[in-house]
């Protein structure tokens, strides 16, 4: 399931009560396992945040079902979404990071992250290059095996074709010489 669909999803507890909405998901950049889910309630001025252990997830479909109650969840109350530490990084921090390919060229930026909730891990990262009109183009998907390093930048072990160079080359081959007499 892609992260854009998950963020903002309602969370239901084991007593069938509406608990909160998913505000953030953190994952480990070495194992790609989901390390925690942050839920939020309230309005933008007085939001409350809660940390949910991924082990408490029962199911994910149209809603996230968890094996805790509202009362148990309130014991994990946070004032704000915690900062990323160590090898853990938040999904929202990852989206927009620049990806560098094996040739050292900019391959694009992370547009989305696919999460497998059966295994509780990140499966794929979707890259996109922006066009001059702001819409993403040249969408490319990388598996977690294709990623070498995850830091300020993301480095991949793949060579990703640069479509702009390909377009320029195809334009050159289409040019014809015409003699004007």
C-alpha atoms as a PDB file:
ATOM      1  CA  UNK A   1       0.000   0.000   0.000  1.00  0.00           C
ATOM      2  CA  UNK A   2       1.403   3.400  -0.819  1.00  0.00           C
ATOM      3  CA  UNK A   3       2.262   5.900   1.894  1.00  0.00           C
ATOM      4  CA  UNK A   4       0.077   8.657   0.431  1.00  0.00           C
ATOM      5  CA  UNK A   5      -2.976   6.440   0.990  1.00  0.00           C
ATOM      6  CA  UNK A   6      -1.922   5.468   4.520  1.00  0.00           C
ATOM      7  CA  UNK A   7      -1.139   8.890   6.013  1.00  0.00           C
ATOM      8  CA  UNK A   8      -4.435  10.313   7.276  1.00  0.00           C
ATOM      9  CA  UNK A   9      -6.132   6.905   7.486  1.00  0.00           C
ATOM     10  CA  UNK A  10      -8.444   6.357  10.475  1.00  0.00           C
ATOM     11  CA  UNK A  11      -7.351   4.017  13.254  1.00  0.00           C
ATOM     12  CA  UNK A  12      -9.917   1.756  14.957  1.00  0.00           C
ATOM     13  CA  UNK A  13      -9.195   0.020  18.293  1.00  0.00           C
ATOM     14  CA  UNK A  14     -10.151  -3.511  19.371  1.00  0.00           C
ATOM     15  CA  UNK A  15     -13.386  -2.168  20.921  1.00  0.00           C
ATOM     16  CA  UNK A  16     -14.467  -0.806  17.507  1.00  0.00           C
ATOM     17  CA  UNK A  17     -13.900   2.815  18.545  1.00  0.00           C
ATOM     18  CA  UNK A  18     -12.440   5.540  16.368  1.00  0.00           C
ATOM     19  CA  UNK A  19      -9.064   6.278  17.949  1.00  0.00           C
ATOM     20  CA  UNK A  20      -7.111   8.681  15.747  1.00  0.00           C
ATOM     21  CA  UNK A  21      -5.601   9.136  12.292  1.00  0.00           C
ATOM     22  CA  UNK A  22      -2.183   8.058  11.067  1.00  0.00           C
ATOM     23  CA  UNK A  23       0.099  11.110  11.147  1.00  0.00           C
ATOM     24  CA  UNK A  24       3.495   9.529  10.476  1.00  0.00           C
ATOM     25  CA  UNK A  25       5.277   6.229   9.938  1.00  0.00           C
ATOM     26  CA  UNK A  26       8.947   5.590  10.743  1.00  0.00           C
ATOM     27  CA  UNK A  27      11.134   2.897   9.228  1.00  0.00           C
ATOM     28  CA  UNK A  28      14.691   1.647   9.660  1.00  0.00           C
ATOM     29  CA  UNK A  29      16.924   2.528   6.691  1.00  0.00           C
ATOM     30  CA  UNK A  30      19.030  -0.628   7.155  1.00  0.00           C
ATOM     31  CA  UNK A  31      16.283  -3.276   7.489  1.00  0.00           C
ATOM     32  CA  UNK A  32      13.416  -1.271   5.914  1.00  0.00           C
ATOM     33  CA  UNK A  33      11.181  -2.530   8.733  1.00  0.00           C
ATOM     34  CA  UNK A  34       8.435  -0.276  10.121  1.00  0.00           C
ATOM     35  CA  UNK A  35       9.580   0.846  13.588  1.00  0.00           C
ATOM     36  CA  UNK A  36       6.627   2.946  14.749  1.00  0.00           C
ATOM     37  CA  UNK A  37       3.408   4.586  13.727  1.00  0.00           C
ATOM     38  CA  UNK A  38       2.416   7.987  15.079  1.00  0.00           C
ATOM     39  CA  UNK A  39      -1.301   8.700  15.411  1.00  0.00           C
ATOM     40  CA  UNK A  40      -2.881  12.114  15.934  1.00  0.00           C
ATOM     41  CA  UNK A  41      -6.172  13.458  17.245  1.00  0.00           C
ATOM     42  CA  UNK A  42      -7.597  16.919  17.704  1.00  0.00           C
ATOM     43  CA  UNK A  43      -7.547  20.089  15.675  1.00  0.00           C
ATOM     44  CA  UNK A  44      -4.391  21.692  14.245  1.00  0.00           C
ATOM     45  CA  UNK A  45      -4.028  24.020  17.241  1.00  0.00           C
ATOM     46  CA  UNK A  46      -4.235  21.356  19.954  1.00  0.00           C
ATOM     47  CA  UNK A  47      -3.138  18.079  18.379  1.00  0.00           C
ATOM     48  CA  UNK A  48      -2.312  15.084  20.526  1.00  0.00           C
ATOM     49  CA  UNK A  49       0.040  12.407  19.259  1.00  0.00           C
ATOM     50  CA  UNK A  50       0.299   8.745  20.198  1.00  0.00           C
ATOM     51  CA  UNK A  51       2.936   6.153  19.427  1.00  0.00           C
ATOM     52  CA  UNK A  52       1.675   2.808  18.145  1.00  0.00           C
ATOM     53  CA  UNK A  53       3.890  -0.267  18.111  1.00  0.00           C
ATOM     54  CA  UNK A  54       3.650  -2.009  14.716  1.00  0.00           C
ATOM     55  CA  UNK A  55       3.199  -5.323  16.591  1.00  0.00           C
ATOM     56  CA  UNK A  56      -0.243  -4.072  17.681  1.00  0.00           C
ATOM     57  CA  UNK A  57      -1.544  -3.889  14.097  1.00  0.00           C
ATOM     58  CA  UNK A  58      -4.327  -6.384  13.435  1.00  0.00           C
ATOM     59  CA  UNK A  59      -5.202  -5.404   9.865  1.00  0.00           C
ATOM     60  CA  UNK A  60      -4.919  -2.643   7.303  1.00  0.00           C
ATOM     61  CA  UNK A  61      -7.572  -2.040   4.681  1.00  0.00           C
ATOM     62  CA  UNK A  62      -9.807   0.997   4.513  1.00  0.00           C
ATOM     63  CA  UNK A  63      -8.952   1.460   8.212  1.00  0.00           C
ATOM     64  CA  UNK A  64      -6.026   0.509  10.431  1.00  0.00           C
ATOM     65  CA  UNK A  65      -7.194  -1.928  13.117  1.00  0.00           C
ATOM     66  CA  UNK A  66      -5.072  -2.107  16.272  1.00  0.00           C
ATOM     67  CA  UNK A  67      -5.008  -4.492  19.232  1.00  0.00           C
ATOM     68  CA  UNK A  68      -5.124  -1.787  21.923  1.00  0.00           C
ATOM     69  CA  UNK A  69      -7.787   0.444  23.427  1.00  0.00           C
ATOM     70  CA  UNK A  70      -8.006   4.221  23.590  1.00  0.00           C
ATOM     71  CA  UNK A  71      -7.057   4.055  27.281  1.00  0.00           C
ATOM     72  CA  UNK A  72      -3.952   1.946  26.596  1.00  0.00           C
ATOM     73  CA  UNK A  73      -2.994   4.213  23.724  1.00  0.00           C
ATOM     74  CA  UNK A  74      -3.200   7.336  25.901  1.00  0.00           C
ATOM     75  CA  UNK A  75      -0.291   5.947  27.957  1.00  0.00           C
ATOM     76  CA  UNK A  76       1.927   6.506  24.897  1.00  0.00           C
ATOM     77  CA  UNK A  77       0.944  10.175  24.542  1.00  0.00           C
ATOM     78  CA  UNK A  78       3.447  12.537  22.884  1.00  0.00           C
ATOM     79  CA  UNK A  79       3.545  16.345  22.687  1.00  0.00           C
ATOM     80  CA  UNK A  80       4.791  16.298  19.105  1.00  0.00           C
ATOM     81  CA  UNK A  81       5.981  13.900  16.431  1.00  0.00           C
ATOM     82  CA  UNK A  82       9.443  12.740  17.551  1.00  0.00           C
ATOM     83  CA  UNK A  83      12.512  13.553  15.474  1.00  0.00           C
ATOM     84  CA  UNK A  84      14.202  10.825  13.461  1.00  0.00           C
ATOM     85  CA  UNK A  85      17.078   9.185  15.320  1.00  0.00           C
ATOM     86  CA  UNK A  86      19.822   6.796  14.241  1.00  0.00           C
ATOM     87  CA  UNK A  87      18.825   4.736  11.232  1.00  0.00           C
ATOM     88  CA  UNK A  88      15.112   5.483  11.707  1.00  0.00           C
ATOM     89  CA  UNK A  89      13.558   7.976   9.309  1.00  0.00           C
ATOM     90  CA  UNK A  90      10.028   9.266   8.910  1.00  0.00           C
ATOM     91  CA  UNK A  91       8.103   8.684   5.679  1.00  0.00           C
ATOM     92  CA  UNK A  92       7.346  12.411   5.329  1.00  0.00           C
ATOM     93  CA  UNK A  93      11.078  13.205   5.638  1.00  0.00           C
ATOM     94  CA  UNK A  94      11.890  10.649   2.936  1.00  0.00           C
ATOM     95  CA  UNK A  95       9.456  11.924   0.330  1.00  0.00           C
ATOM     96  CA  UNK A  96      11.204  14.635  -1.669  1.00  0.00           C
ATOM     97  CA  UNK A  97      14.765  13.389  -1.046  1.00  0.00           C
ATOM     98  CA  UNK A  98      17.042  13.516  -4.086  1.00  0.00           C
ATOM     99  CA  UNK A  99      18.073  10.124  -5.472  1.00  0.00           C
ATOM    100  CA  UNK A 100      21.536   9.696  -7.017  1.00  0.00           C
ATOM    101  CA  UNK A 101      22.101   6.789  -9.431  1.00  0.00           C
ATOM    102  CA  UNK A 102      25.182   4.553  -9.823  1.00  0.00           C
ATOM    103  CA  UNK A 103      26.715   7.017 -12.321  1.00  0.00           C
ATOM    104  CA  UNK A 104      26.466   9.900  -9.844  1.00  0.00           C
ATOM    105  CA  UNK A 105      23.628  11.591 -11.715  1.00  0.00           C
ATOM    106  CA  UNK A 106      20.401  12.857 -10.210  1.00  0.00           C
ATOM    107  CA  UNK A 107      17.802  10.174 -10.902  1.00  0.00           C
ATOM    108  CA  UNK A 108      14.888  12.140  -9.455  1.00  0.00           C
ATOM    109  CA  UNK A 109      13.191  12.684  -6.125  1.00  0.00           C
ATOM    110  CA  UNK A 110      11.261  10.240  -3.981  1.00  0.00           C
ATOM    111  CA  UNK A 111       7.591  10.727  -4.824  1.00  0.00           C
ATOM    112  CA  UNK A 112       6.109   7.854  -2.840  1.00  0.00           C
ATOM    113  CA  UNK A 113       6.968   4.858  -0.683  1.00  0.00           C
ATOM    114  CA  UNK A 114       5.176   1.498  -0.887  1.00  0.00           C
ATOM    115  CA  UNK A 115       4.704  -0.364   2.392  1.00  0.00           C
ATOM    116  CA  UNK A 116       3.893  -4.054   2.801  1.00  0.00           C
ATOM    117  CA  UNK A 117       1.867  -4.294   6.008  1.00  0.00           C
ATOM    118  CA  UNK A 118       1.900  -8.102   5.979  1.00  0.00           C
ATOM    119  CA  UNK A 119       5.680  -8.008   6.544  1.00  0.00           C
ATOM    120  CA  UNK A 120       5.685  -4.515   8.119  1.00  0.00           C
ATOM    121  CA  UNK A 121       8.396  -3.232   5.793  1.00  0.00           C
ATOM    122  CA  UNK A 122       9.077  -0.769   3.007  1.00  0.00           C
ATOM    123  CA  UNK A 123       8.934  -2.573  -0.360  1.00  0.00           C
ATOM    124  CA  UNK A 124       9.480   0.021  -3.088  1.00  0.00           C
ATOM    125  CA  UNK A 125      10.393   3.649  -3.539  1.00  0.00           C
ATOM    126  CA  UNK A 126       8.862   5.580  -6.441  1.00  0.00           C
ATOM    127  CA  UNK A 127      10.978   8.284  -8.083  1.00  0.00           C
ATOM    128  CA  UNK A 128       9.757  11.108 -10.240  1.00  0.00           C
ATOM    129  CA  UNK A 129      11.420  13.920 -12.136  1.00  0.00           C
ATOM    130  CA  UNK A 130       9.543  17.179 -12.329  1.00  0.00           C
ATOM    131  CA  UNK A 131       8.774  18.685 -15.652  1.00  0.00           C
ATOM    132  CA  UNK A 132       8.837  22.387 -16.394  1.00  0.00           C
ATOM    133  CA  UNK A 133       5.087  22.483 -15.702  1.00  0.00           C
ATOM    134  CA  UNK A 134       5.437  21.060 -12.188  1.00  0.00           C
ATOM    135  CA  UNK A 135       3.830  17.699 -12.904  1.00  0.00           C
ATOM    136  CA  UNK A 136       6.029  14.678 -12.220  1.00  0.00           C
ATOM    137  CA  UNK A 137       7.298  12.772 -15.221  1.00  0.00           C
ATOM    138  CA  UNK A 138       9.562   9.794 -15.805  1.00  0.00           C
ATOM    139  CA  UNK A 139       8.250   7.780 -12.885  1.00  0.00           C
ATOM    140  CA  UNK A 140      10.626   4.965 -11.912  1.00  0.00           C
ATOM    141  CA  UNK A 141      10.293   2.366  -9.141  1.00  0.00           C
ATOM    142  CA  UNK A 142      13.219   1.135  -7.041  1.00  0.00           C
ATOM    143  CA  UNK A 143      13.024  -1.933  -4.814  1.00  0.00           C
ATOM    144  CA  UNK A 144      14.674  -1.841  -1.395  1.00  0.00           C
ATOM    145  CA  UNK A 145      17.483  -4.019  -2.837  1.00  0.00           C
ATOM    146  CA  UNK A 146      18.284  -1.248  -5.354  1.00  0.00           C
ATOM    147  CA  UNK A 147      19.071   1.266  -2.596  1.00  0.00           C
ATOM    148  CA  UNK A 148      22.677   1.433  -1.366  1.00  0.00           C
ATOM    149  CA  UNK A 149      22.496   4.270   1.178  1.00  0.00           C
ATOM    150  CA  UNK A 150      19.783   6.373   2.780  1.00  0.00           C
ATOM    151  CA  UNK A 151      20.897   9.696   4.304  1.00  0.00           C
ATOM    152  CA  UNK A 152      20.608  13.331   3.235  1.00  0.00           C
ATOM    153  CA  UNK A 153      20.457  11.815  -0.254  1.00  0.00           C
ATOM    154  CA  UNK A 154      19.453   8.368  -1.425  1.00  0.00           C
ATOM    155  CA  UNK A 155      22.063   6.473  -3.438  1.00  0.00           C
ATOM    156  CA  UNK A 156      20.991   3.631  -5.695  1.00  0.00           C
ATOM    157  CA  UNK A 157      23.105   0.868  -7.229  1.00  0.00           C
ATOM    158  CA  UNK A 158      21.190   1.135 -10.530  1.00  0.00           C
ATOM    159  CA  UNK A 159      21.842   3.263 -13.570  1.00  0.00           C
ATOM    160  CA  UNK A 160      18.671   5.148 -14.331  1.00  0.00           C
ATOM    161  CA  UNK A 161      18.330   6.402 -17.899  1.00  0.00           C
ATOM    162  CA  UNK A 162      18.120  10.148 -18.270  1.00  0.00           C
ATOM    163  CA  UNK A 163      15.129  10.792 -20.508  1.00  0.00           C
ATOM    164  CA  UNK A 164      16.225  14.346 -21.367  1.00  0.00           C
ATOM    165  CA  UNK A 165      19.420  13.047 -23.002  1.00  0.00           C
ATOM    166  CA  UNK A 166      17.443  10.356 -24.822  1.00  0.00           C
ATOM    167  CA  UNK A 167      14.993  12.992 -26.134  1.00  0.00           C
ATOM    168  CA  UNK A 168      17.853  15.201 -27.368  1.00  0.00           C
ATOM    169  CA  UNK A 169      19.472  12.267 -29.185  1.00  0.00           C
ATOM    170  CA  UNK A 170      16.210  11.281 -30.860  1.00  0.00           C
ATOM    171  CA  UNK A 171      15.709  14.883 -32.021  1.00  0.00           C
ATOM    172  CA  UNK A 172      19.203  14.903 -33.551  1.00  0.00           C
ATOM    173  CA  UNK A 173      18.522  11.745 -35.536  1.00  0.00           C
ATOM    174  CA  UNK A 174      15.284  13.206 -36.869  1.00  0.00           C
ATOM    175  CA  UNK A 175      17.019  16.277 -38.301  1.00  0.00           C
ATOM    176  CA  UNK A 176      17.497  16.174 -42.067  1.00  0.00           C
ATOM    177  CA  UNK A 177      19.658  18.307 -44.274  1.00  0.00           C
ATOM    178  CA  UNK A 178      17.770  20.098 -47.026  1.00  0.00           C
ATOM    179  CA  UNK A 179      19.567  21.850 -49.882  1.00  0.00           C
ATOM    180  CA  UNK A 180      17.965  25.129 -50.861  1.00  0.00           C
ATOM    181  CA  UNK A 181      18.682  26.163 -54.432  1.00  0.00           C
END
